[in-house]
Amino acid sequence: MKLTLTPYGKPQLIVMPLILLGLAGVAGQVWPWASPVPQLAAAVLILAVLAFFRDPHREIPAEKDILLSPADGKVTDITFPDENEYLQRPAIRIGIFLSVFDVHINRAPCRGTVKYIKHHPGKCLNALRSEAASAENEANSVGMECPEHPAGMILVKQITGAIARRIVCGCGVGDDLAAGERYGMIKFGSRTELYLPRDEKAQILVKKGDVVRAGKTLMVRYQLDDNSNRT
């Protein structure tokens, strides 16, 4: 199986193996009796780095009245807050926790145009503490306008965790994103939140504890009228 790596991790993919190999070389010189343990440990850690920055191919569902998961991980909470940053209305929020073993690429939940991006300085609390992490951690918000989608507009927040300290946002205001298109990542364990306007036609397809995959798992489906135009 071909292992595809994300370009978002290029600095770490170059520097970290060099550091690990250098440390293994030094350890081999200082404690020659310990060989090959340092070398084997370095090899395992290098494989772990490669695995973290993996970027597997995903077949994106073709349905137009759905919202896809923006991240790999486990659904930790589904709440109904007032979203006052971008949507400016009552919303549905679906929180996803990403462990260090998950793919960390973020993908667009649907087709749309990026209209809003804002970085929020903050703490690096445990991302499993849903409310505290959402309110206090460093985050990056990406708001999309989706005129061809029933949601109309959505907001995705990339949130750091206790280990994650680096958010990558590879899109800019004005960019058009296709459903499932890659637009960034959070390096190491973290949290991603999907916000959509509260709507009785929005059927939530996941529940707390579900494992989801970015660009693949259906999070929400809109129950459209029979005479609605499905394109």
Protein backbone atom coordinates (compact mmCIF):
# COMPACT_ATOMS: atom_id res chain seq x y z
CA MET A 1 0.00 0.00 0.00
CA LYS A 2 1.37 3.39 -1.00
CA LEU A 3 1.86 5.80 1.93
CA THR A 4 1.04 9.35 0.85
CA LEU A 5 2.35 12.11 3.11
CA THR A 6 0.93 15.60 3.44
CA PRO A 7 3.05 18.58 2.34
CA TYR A 8 1.77 20.36 5.48
CA GLY A 9 4.23 18.22 7.46
CA LYS A 10 7.28 18.82 5.28
CA PRO A 11 9.37 20.65 7.95
CA GLN A 12 8.81 17.92 10.54
CA LEU A 13 9.29 15.14 7.99
CA ILE A 14 12.74 16.52 7.20
CA VAL A 15 13.94 17.68 10.62
CA MET A 16 12.59 15.05 13.01
CA PRO A 17 14.12 11.97 11.30
CA LEU A 18 17.48 13.76 11.11
CA ILE A 19 17.33 14.55 14.84
CA LEU A 20 16.32 10.99 15.74
CA LEU A 21 19.05 9.47 13.58
CA GLY A 22 21.59 11.88 15.07
CA LEU A 23 20.58 10.96 18.63
CA ALA A 24 20.75 7.27 17.78
CA GLY A 25 24.25 7.77 16.36
CA VAL A 26 25.42 9.62 19.47
CA ALA A 27 23.88 6.98 21.75
CA GLY A 28 25.66 4.27 19.76
CA GLN A 29 29.00 6.00 20.32
CA VAL A 30 28.47 6.74 24.03
CA TRP A 31 26.88 3.40 24.94
CA PRO A 32 28.12 0.92 22.29
CA TRP A 33 26.98 -1.99 24.48
CA ALA A 34 23.36 -0.77 24.06
CA SER A 35 23.29 -1.22 20.28
CA PRO A 36 21.05 -1.80 18.42
CA VAL A 37 18.40 -0.52 20.87
CA PRO A 38 18.91 3.23 20.12
CA GLN A 39 18.85 2.57 16.38
CA LEU A 40 15.69 0.46 16.63
CA ALA A 41 14.01 3.09 18.83
CA ALA A 42 14.87 5.79 16.28
CA ALA A 43 13.45 3.66 13.46
CA VAL A 44 10.19 3.14 15.36
CA LEU A 45 9.87 6.85 16.12
CA ILE A 46 10.57 7.77 12.49
CA LEU A 47 7.82 5.38 11.38
CA ALA A 48 5.50 7.04 13.93
CA VAL A 49 6.28 10.48 12.46
CA LEU A 50 5.58 9.20 8.94
CA ALA A 51 2.31 7.64 10.11
CA PHE A 52 1.19 10.87 11.78
CA PHE A 53 1.61 12.87 8.57
CA ARG A 54 -0.11 10.29 6.36
CA ASP A 55 -2.70 11.63 3.95
CA PRO A 56 -4.76 8.73 2.59
CA HIS A 57 -6.88 9.04 -0.53
CA ARG A 58 -10.60 9.37 0.15
CA GLU A 59 -13.53 8.74 -2.18
CA ILE A 60 -15.75 11.77 -1.61
CA PRO A 61 -19.53 11.10 -1.60
CA ALA A 62 -21.29 12.82 -4.51
CA GLU A 63 -24.51 13.76 -2.68
CA LYS A 64 -25.17 17.52 -2.56
CA ASP A 65 -27.47 17.78 0.47
CA ILE A 66 -24.98 16.42 3.03
CA LEU A 67 -22.21 17.73 5.26
CA LEU A 68 -19.08 15.61 5.52
CA SER A 69 -16.85 15.27 8.53
CA PRO A 70 -14.09 17.92 8.52
CA ALA A 71 -11.73 15.67 10.51
CA ASP A 72 -10.86 12.12 11.49
CA GLY A 73 -11.53 11.20 15.11
CA LYS A 74 -14.31 10.53 17.61
CA VAL A 75 -17.46 12.61 18.12
CA THR A 76 -17.29 13.94 21.69
CA ASP A 77 -20.29 16.25 21.82
CA ILE A 78 -23.28 17.55 19.88
CA THR A 79 -24.64 20.83 21.21
CA PHE A 80 -26.89 23.67 20.12
CA PRO A 81 -25.20 27.01 20.95
CA ASP A 82 -25.73 30.49 19.58
CA GLU A 83 -22.82 30.96 17.16
CA ASN A 84 -21.88 34.65 17.23
CA GLU A 85 -18.53 34.64 15.45
CA TYR A 86 -19.55 33.99 11.85
CA LEU A 87 -22.98 32.40 11.51
CA GLN A 88 -24.59 34.95 13.87
CA ARG A 89 -27.52 32.67 14.66
CA PRO A 90 -28.55 29.58 16.64
CA ALA A 91 -26.38 26.68 15.51
CA ILE A 92 -25.64 22.99 15.73
CA ARG A 93 -22.10 22.20 16.88
CA ILE A 94 -20.49 18.80 16.40
CA GLY A 95 -17.16 18.37 18.21
CA ILE A 96 -14.53 15.84 17.10
CA PHE A 97 -11.49 14.75 19.13
CA LEU A 98 -8.38 13.74 17.19
CA SER A 99 -5.90 11.46 18.97
CA VAL A 100 -2.27 11.23 17.90
CA PHE A 101 -3.18 8.06 16.01
CA ASP A 102 -5.74 9.76 13.75
CA VAL A 103 -5.14 11.33 10.35
CA HIS A 104 -4.92 15.06 11.08
CA ILE A 105 -5.87 16.52 7.69
CA ASN A 106 -8.89 18.85 7.72
CA ARG A 107 -11.31 18.74 4.78
CA ALA A 108 -14.18 20.97 3.66
CA PRO A 109 -17.58 19.58 4.74
CA CYS A 110 -19.24 20.77 1.50
CA ARG A 111 -18.64 22.93 -1.54
CA GLY A 112 -18.34 26.64 -0.83
CA THR A 113 -16.27 29.80 -0.81
CA VAL A 114 -14.08 30.82 2.13
CA LYS A 115 -15.41 34.15 3.40
CA TYR A 116 -13.88 34.35 6.86
CA ILE A 117 -10.67 33.24 8.56
CA LYS A 118 -9.58 34.23 12.06
CA HIS A 119 -6.86 32.97 14.38
CA HIS A 120 -7.65 32.98 18.10
CA PRO A 121 -4.72 32.94 20.55
CA GLY A 122 -5.34 30.85 23.64
CA LYS A 123 -4.38 27.96 25.87
CA CYS A 124 -3.56 24.34 25.06
CA LEU A 125 -5.93 22.51 27.40
CA ASN A 126 -6.78 18.84 26.94
CA ALA A 127 -8.95 18.69 23.81
CA LEU A 128 -11.16 16.05 25.47
CA ARG A 129 -12.42 18.78 27.80
CA SER A 130 -14.94 19.84 25.17
CA GLU A 131 -16.33 23.07 26.59
CA ALA A 132 -13.07 24.36 28.08
CA ALA A 133 -11.07 23.56 24.94
CA SER A 134 -13.70 25.14 22.72
CA ALA A 135 -13.81 28.35 24.74
CA GLU A 136 -10.18 28.79 25.85
CA ASN A 137 -7.77 26.98 23.51
CA GLU A 138 -5.88 28.45 20.59
CA ALA A 139 -8.03 28.04 17.48
CA ASN A 140 -8.47 28.94 13.84
CA SER A 141 -11.93 29.60 12.42
CA VAL A 142 -12.82 29.11 8.75
CA GLY A 143 -16.22 30.37 7.63
CA MET A 144 -17.64 29.27 4.28
CA GLU A 145 -20.52 30.60 2.20
CA CYS A 146 -22.30 27.72 0.46
CA PRO A 147 -25.00 29.10 -1.89
CA GLU A 148 -25.56 25.73 -3.59
CA HIS A 149 -25.97 23.85 -0.29
CA PRO A 150 -29.03 23.74 2.02
CA ALA A 151 -26.91 24.92 4.96
CA GLY A 152 -26.12 28.20 3.21
CA MET A 153 -23.07 28.79 5.39
CA ILE A 154 -20.89 26.79 7.79
CA LEU A 155 -18.03 27.35 10.22
CA VAL A 156 -15.20 24.93 10.99
CA LYS A 157 -12.84 25.52 13.94
CA GLN A 158 -9.41 23.94 14.24
CA ILE A 159 -8.54 23.81 17.95
CA THR A 160 -5.25 22.90 19.63
CA GLY A 161 -4.98 20.36 22.45
CA ALA A 162 -2.52 19.54 25.23
CA ILE A 163 -0.06 18.11 22.69
CA ALA A 164 -1.07 19.95 19.51
CA ARG A 165 0.60 23.35 19.27
CA ARG A 166 0.52 24.07 15.53
CA ILE A 167 -2.49 24.81 13.37
CA VAL A 168 -2.03 24.88 9.61
CA CYS A 169 -4.62 26.64 7.46
CA GLY A 170 -3.85 26.22 3.78
CA CYS A 171 -6.77 28.24 2.39
CA GLY A 172 -7.42 31.95 2.11
CA VAL A 173 -10.43 34.23 1.93
CA GLY A 174 -11.96 33.98 -1.51
CA ASP A 175 -10.82 30.40 -2.15
CA ASP A 176 -13.39 28.00 -3.57
CA LEU A 177 -13.30 24.61 -1.86
CA ALA A 178 -14.88 21.43 -3.16
CA ALA A 179 -16.60 19.01 -0.80
CA GLY A 180 -13.91 16.93 0.88
CA GLU A 181 -11.06 19.14 -0.32
CA ARG A 182 -8.05 19.38 1.99
CA TYR A 183 -7.51 22.83 3.48
CA GLY A 184 -5.25 22.38 6.52
CA MET A 185 -4.28 20.25 9.50
CA ILE A 186 -3.61 20.36 13.22
CA LYS A 187 -0.25 18.88 14.17
CA PHE A 188 -0.65 16.23 16.91
CA GLY A 189 -3.69 15.58 19.18
CA SER A 190 -6.44 18.18 18.84
CA ARG A 191 -10.11 19.06 18.30
CA THR A 192 -12.20 20.13 15.29
CA GLU A 193 -15.70 21.62 15.46
CA LEU A 194 -18.33 21.86 12.75
CA TYR A 195 -20.99 24.57 13.09
CA LEU A 196 -24.08 24.82 10.90
CA PRO A 197 -27.24 26.94 11.22
CA ARG A 198 -29.93 25.27 13.32
CA ASP A 199 -32.52 23.91 10.92
CA GLU A 200 -35.31 21.38 11.42
CA LYS A 201 -34.42 19.91 8.01
CA ALA A 202 -30.86 19.14 9.16
CA GLN A 203 -30.76 15.49 10.20
CA ILE A 204 -27.73 14.70 12.36
CA LEU A 205 -26.37 11.31 11.27
CA VAL A 206 -23.76 10.80 13.99
CA LYS A 207 -23.88 10.47 17.75
CA LYS A 208 -21.47 10.89 20.64
CA GLY A 209 -18.79 8.19 20.52
CA ASP A 210 -18.96 7.61 16.76
CA VAL A 211 -15.67 7.34 14.86
CA VAL A 212 -15.66 9.61 11.80
CA ARG A 213 -13.40 10.12 8.78
CA ALA A 214 -12.74 13.45 7.08
CA GLY A 215 -14.32 13.77 3.66
CA LYS A 216 -15.96 10.37 4.00
CA THR A 217 -18.34 10.18 6.98
CA LEU A 218 -21.73 11.82 6.50
CA MET A 219 -22.39 14.10 9.49
CA VAL A 220 -25.63 15.78 8.42
CA ARG A 221 -28.23 15.19 5.71
CA TYR A 222 -30.90 17.72 4.81
CA GLN A 223 -34.43 16.44 4.42
CA LEU A 224 -35.43 18.44 1.36
CA ASP A 225 -38.96 18.81 0.01
CA ASP A 226 -39.89 16.54 -2.88
CA ASN A 227 -39.90 19.54 -5.21
CA SER A 228 -36.50 20.78 -4.03
CA ASN A 229 -33.79 20.94 -6.63
CA ARG A 230 -31.12 18.30 -5.93
CA THR A 231 -28.16 19.08 -8.15
